[in-house]
Amino acid sequence: MNRTIFTTALLFIALLLLQVLVCNHIVLFGAAVPFIFIYFIVRQPISMSTNLLLTLSFLLGLGVDLFSDTAGMNALACTVLAVCKKKVFFSFVQKDDFSVTFTPGIASMGFGAYFRYLFSMVAIYCVLIFSIEYFSFSDVKEIILKASASCVLTTALLLAVDSLAFSKREKRL
């Protein structure tokens, strides 16, 4: 149990620092921003308490907001993402197919199901964050362009991280 808490805390801090120190300064083609820190929310076990997930997601988003000067935008988007997590997950995996300690990943879900789950979660976050940023639908083309480009970039990065970091230790469904 203590090892799980330590690993979760380490992942939380590492992704927060990586986002704030590196990813926030990357903008490809003036549109695509990598949001690597949402991997923390995507990767948490399905059995995690909803209240704990909401709290951790809010704190993660707030941490990014504090260092990025974005006034609660990431905190809101991360909290909404945490609310959507189980519904999105169960739209791609049947409830009978997972164990109590199931953690979403390529090795545990298979590439197809995990890709659809990950892409959906990233798309929700990107649409939310850019809609909140513009706070208007007068620039719908700009919102769609930035959300789409960021979604593709973030999904590719998170797939790479997941395939490198966690493929050997997980049990497949």
Protein backbone atom coordinates (compact mmCIF):
# COMPACT_ATOMS: atom_id res chain seq x y z
CA MET A 1 0.00 0.00 0.00
CA ASN A 2 2.76 2.47 0.89
CA ARG A 3 4.55 1.64 -2.35
CA THR A 4 1.39 2.46 -4.32
CA ILE A 5 1.02 5.81 -2.55
CA PHE A 6 4.68 6.60 -3.17
CA THR A 7 4.43 5.65 -6.85
CA THR A 8 1.27 7.73 -7.29
CA ALA A 9 2.86 10.75 -5.60
CA LEU A 10 6.01 10.39 -7.68
CA LEU A 11 4.00 10.17 -10.93
CA PHE A 12 1.94 13.20 -9.86
CA ILE A 13 5.01 15.34 -9.17
CA ALA A 14 6.97 14.14 -12.21
CA LEU A 15 4.12 14.83 -14.66
CA LEU A 16 3.39 18.20 -13.08
CA LEU A 17 7.03 19.27 -13.38
CA LEU A 18 7.36 17.88 -16.91
CA GLN A 19 4.27 19.81 -18.00
CA VAL A 20 5.26 23.08 -16.35
CA LEU A 21 8.96 23.06 -17.19
CA VAL A 22 8.95 21.50 -20.65
CA CYS A 23 5.57 20.95 -22.32
CA ASN A 24 4.09 24.39 -21.60
CA HIS A 25 6.89 25.87 -23.70
CA ILE A 26 6.20 23.68 -26.74
CA VAL A 27 3.74 24.82 -29.39
CA LEU A 28 3.99 23.01 -32.72
CA PHE A 29 2.84 24.91 -35.80
CA GLY A 30 1.24 27.54 -33.58
CA ALA A 31 -1.54 25.15 -32.62
CA ALA A 32 -0.48 21.87 -30.96
CA VAL A 33 0.34 21.91 -27.26
CA PRO A 34 1.26 18.63 -25.52
CA PHE A 35 -0.75 18.05 -22.33
CA ILE A 36 1.31 15.21 -20.88
CA PHE A 37 0.14 15.73 -17.29
CA ILE A 38 -3.35 14.33 -17.96
CA TYR A 39 -1.68 10.91 -18.19
CA PHE A 40 -1.95 10.88 -14.39
CA ILE A 41 -5.76 10.95 -14.58
CA VAL A 42 -5.97 8.51 -17.49
CA ARG A 43 -3.64 6.01 -15.79
CA GLN A 44 -5.27 5.79 -12.35
CA PRO A 45 -6.90 2.45 -11.45
CA ILE A 46 -10.60 2.15 -12.18
CA SER A 47 -11.17 1.07 -8.58
CA MET A 48 -9.85 4.38 -7.22
CA SER A 49 -12.43 6.26 -5.19
CA THR A 50 -14.20 8.91 -7.24
CA ASN A 51 -13.68 11.48 -4.48
CA LEU A 52 -9.95 10.78 -4.35
CA LEU A 53 -9.63 10.94 -8.14
CA LEU A 54 -11.55 14.24 -8.24
CA THR A 55 -9.36 15.70 -5.50
CA LEU A 56 -6.09 14.60 -7.10
CA SER A 57 -7.22 15.77 -10.53
CA PHE A 58 -8.22 19.16 -9.18
CA LEU A 59 -4.88 19.53 -7.38
CA LEU A 60 -2.96 18.49 -10.49
CA GLY A 61 -4.83 21.03 -12.61
CA LEU A 62 -4.39 23.68 -9.93
CA GLY A 63 -0.65 22.99 -9.82
CA VAL A 64 -0.39 23.51 -13.57
CA ASP A 65 -2.51 26.66 -13.26
CA LEU A 66 -0.29 28.10 -10.56
CA PHE A 67 2.84 27.77 -12.67
CA SER A 68 1.18 28.62 -16.00
CA ASP A 69 -0.88 31.64 -14.94
CA THR A 70 -4.07 30.16 -16.39
CA ALA A 71 -6.47 31.05 -13.54
CA GLY A 72 -8.19 27.73 -12.85
CA MET A 73 -8.70 26.58 -16.43
CA ASN A 74 -6.69 23.37 -16.00
CA ALA A 75 -8.24 22.69 -12.59
CA LEU A 76 -11.72 22.83 -14.12
CA ALA A 77 -10.80 20.75 -17.16
CA CYS A 78 -9.00 18.11 -15.05
CA THR A 79 -11.93 17.84 -12.64
CA VAL A 80 -14.40 17.36 -15.50
CA LEU A 81 -12.04 14.79 -17.06
CA ALA A 82 -11.98 12.86 -13.77
CA VAL A 83 -15.78 12.88 -13.69
CA CYS A 84 -15.92 11.46 -17.23
CA LYS A 85 -13.23 8.81 -16.71
CA LYS A 86 -15.33 5.79 -15.68
CA LYS A 87 -18.06 6.43 -18.24
CA VAL A 88 -15.51 6.75 -21.04
CA PHE A 89 -13.64 3.65 -19.84
CA PHE A 90 -16.78 1.50 -19.66
CA SER A 91 -17.83 2.58 -23.13
CA PHE A 92 -14.79 0.66 -24.46
CA VAL A 93 -14.50 -2.19 -21.93
CA GLN A 94 -17.33 -4.35 -20.61
CA LYS A 95 -17.83 -4.28 -16.85
CA ASP A 96 -17.21 -8.04 -16.69
CA ASP A 97 -13.76 -7.69 -18.25
CA PHE A 98 -11.88 -5.93 -15.47
CA SER A 99 -10.61 -6.83 -12.05
CA VAL A 100 -10.83 -4.69 -8.92
CA THR A 101 -7.31 -3.35 -9.33
CA PHE A 102 -7.48 -2.81 -13.10
CA THR A 103 -5.27 0.00 -14.41
CA PRO A 104 -5.87 1.17 -17.99
CA GLY A 105 -2.92 0.62 -20.31
CA ILE A 106 -1.83 -0.89 -23.61
CA ALA A 107 -0.67 -4.12 -21.98
CA SER A 108 -3.84 -4.59 -19.95
CA MET A 109 -6.48 -3.48 -22.47
CA GLY A 110 -4.86 -4.14 -25.82
CA PHE A 111 -3.87 -1.41 -28.25
CA GLY A 112 -7.26 -0.86 -29.90
CA ALA A 113 -9.37 -0.45 -26.77
CA TYR A 114 -6.69 1.59 -25.00
CA PHE A 115 -6.20 3.86 -28.01
CA ARG A 116 -9.93 4.60 -28.20
CA TYR A 117 -10.10 5.22 -24.43
CA LEU A 118 -6.99 7.43 -24.43
CA PHE A 119 -8.01 9.39 -27.52
CA SER A 120 -11.47 10.03 -26.07
CA MET A 121 -10.05 11.25 -22.76
CA VAL A 122 -7.51 13.51 -24.48
CA ALA A 123 -10.17 14.86 -26.86
CA ILE A 124 -12.47 15.72 -23.94
CA TYR A 125 -9.66 17.55 -22.18
CA CYS A 126 -8.49 19.45 -25.28
CA VAL A 127 -11.98 20.59 -26.26
CA LEU A 128 -12.64 21.69 -22.67
CA ILE A 129 -9.39 23.57 -22.18
CA PHE A 130 -9.59 25.48 -25.47
CA SER A 131 -13.30 26.22 -25.03
CA ILE A 132 -12.56 27.61 -21.57
CA GLU A 133 -9.58 29.56 -22.91
CA TYR A 134 -11.58 31.29 -25.64
CA PHE A 135 -14.73 31.49 -23.45
CA SER A 136 -16.69 32.09 -26.63
CA PHE A 137 -17.68 30.14 -29.69
CA SER A 138 -16.98 33.06 -32.03
CA ASP A 139 -13.66 31.43 -32.97
CA VAL A 140 -14.95 27.91 -33.49
CA LYS A 141 -12.42 27.20 -36.26
CA GLU A 142 -9.54 28.20 -33.98
CA ILE A 143 -10.88 26.06 -31.12
CA ILE A 144 -11.29 23.04 -33.40
CA LEU A 145 -7.84 23.50 -34.94
CA LYS A 146 -6.03 23.82 -31.62
CA ALA A 147 -8.05 21.06 -29.94
CA SER A 148 -7.51 18.65 -32.85
CA ALA A 149 -3.79 19.34 -33.18
CA SER A 150 -3.21 19.13 -29.42
CA CYS A 151 -5.29 15.96 -29.20
CA VAL A 152 -3.24 14.18 -31.88
CA LEU A 153 0.10 15.31 -30.39
CA THR A 154 -0.87 14.46 -26.81
CA THR A 155 -2.31 11.06 -27.75
CA ALA A 156 0.88 10.14 -29.65
CA LEU A 157 3.08 11.20 -26.72
CA LEU A 158 0.97 9.36 -24.14
CA LEU A 159 0.91 6.18 -26.25
CA ALA A 160 4.70 6.35 -26.46
CA VAL A 161 5.03 6.88 -22.70
CA ASP A 162 2.65 4.03 -21.95
CA SER A 163 4.30 1.58 -24.31
CA LEU A 164 7.75 2.34 -22.92
CA ALA A 165 7.01 2.63 -19.22
CA PHE A 166 4.41 0.05 -18.32
CA SER A 167 4.28 -2.73 -20.92
CA LYS A 168 6.16 -5.48 -19.08
CA ARG A 169 4.57 -5.40 -15.62
CA GLU A 170 0.85 -5.50 -16.41
CA LYS A 171 -1.48 -8.43 -16.73
CA ARG A 172 -3.66 -8.59 -19.86
CA LEU A 173 -7.44 -9.06 -19.66
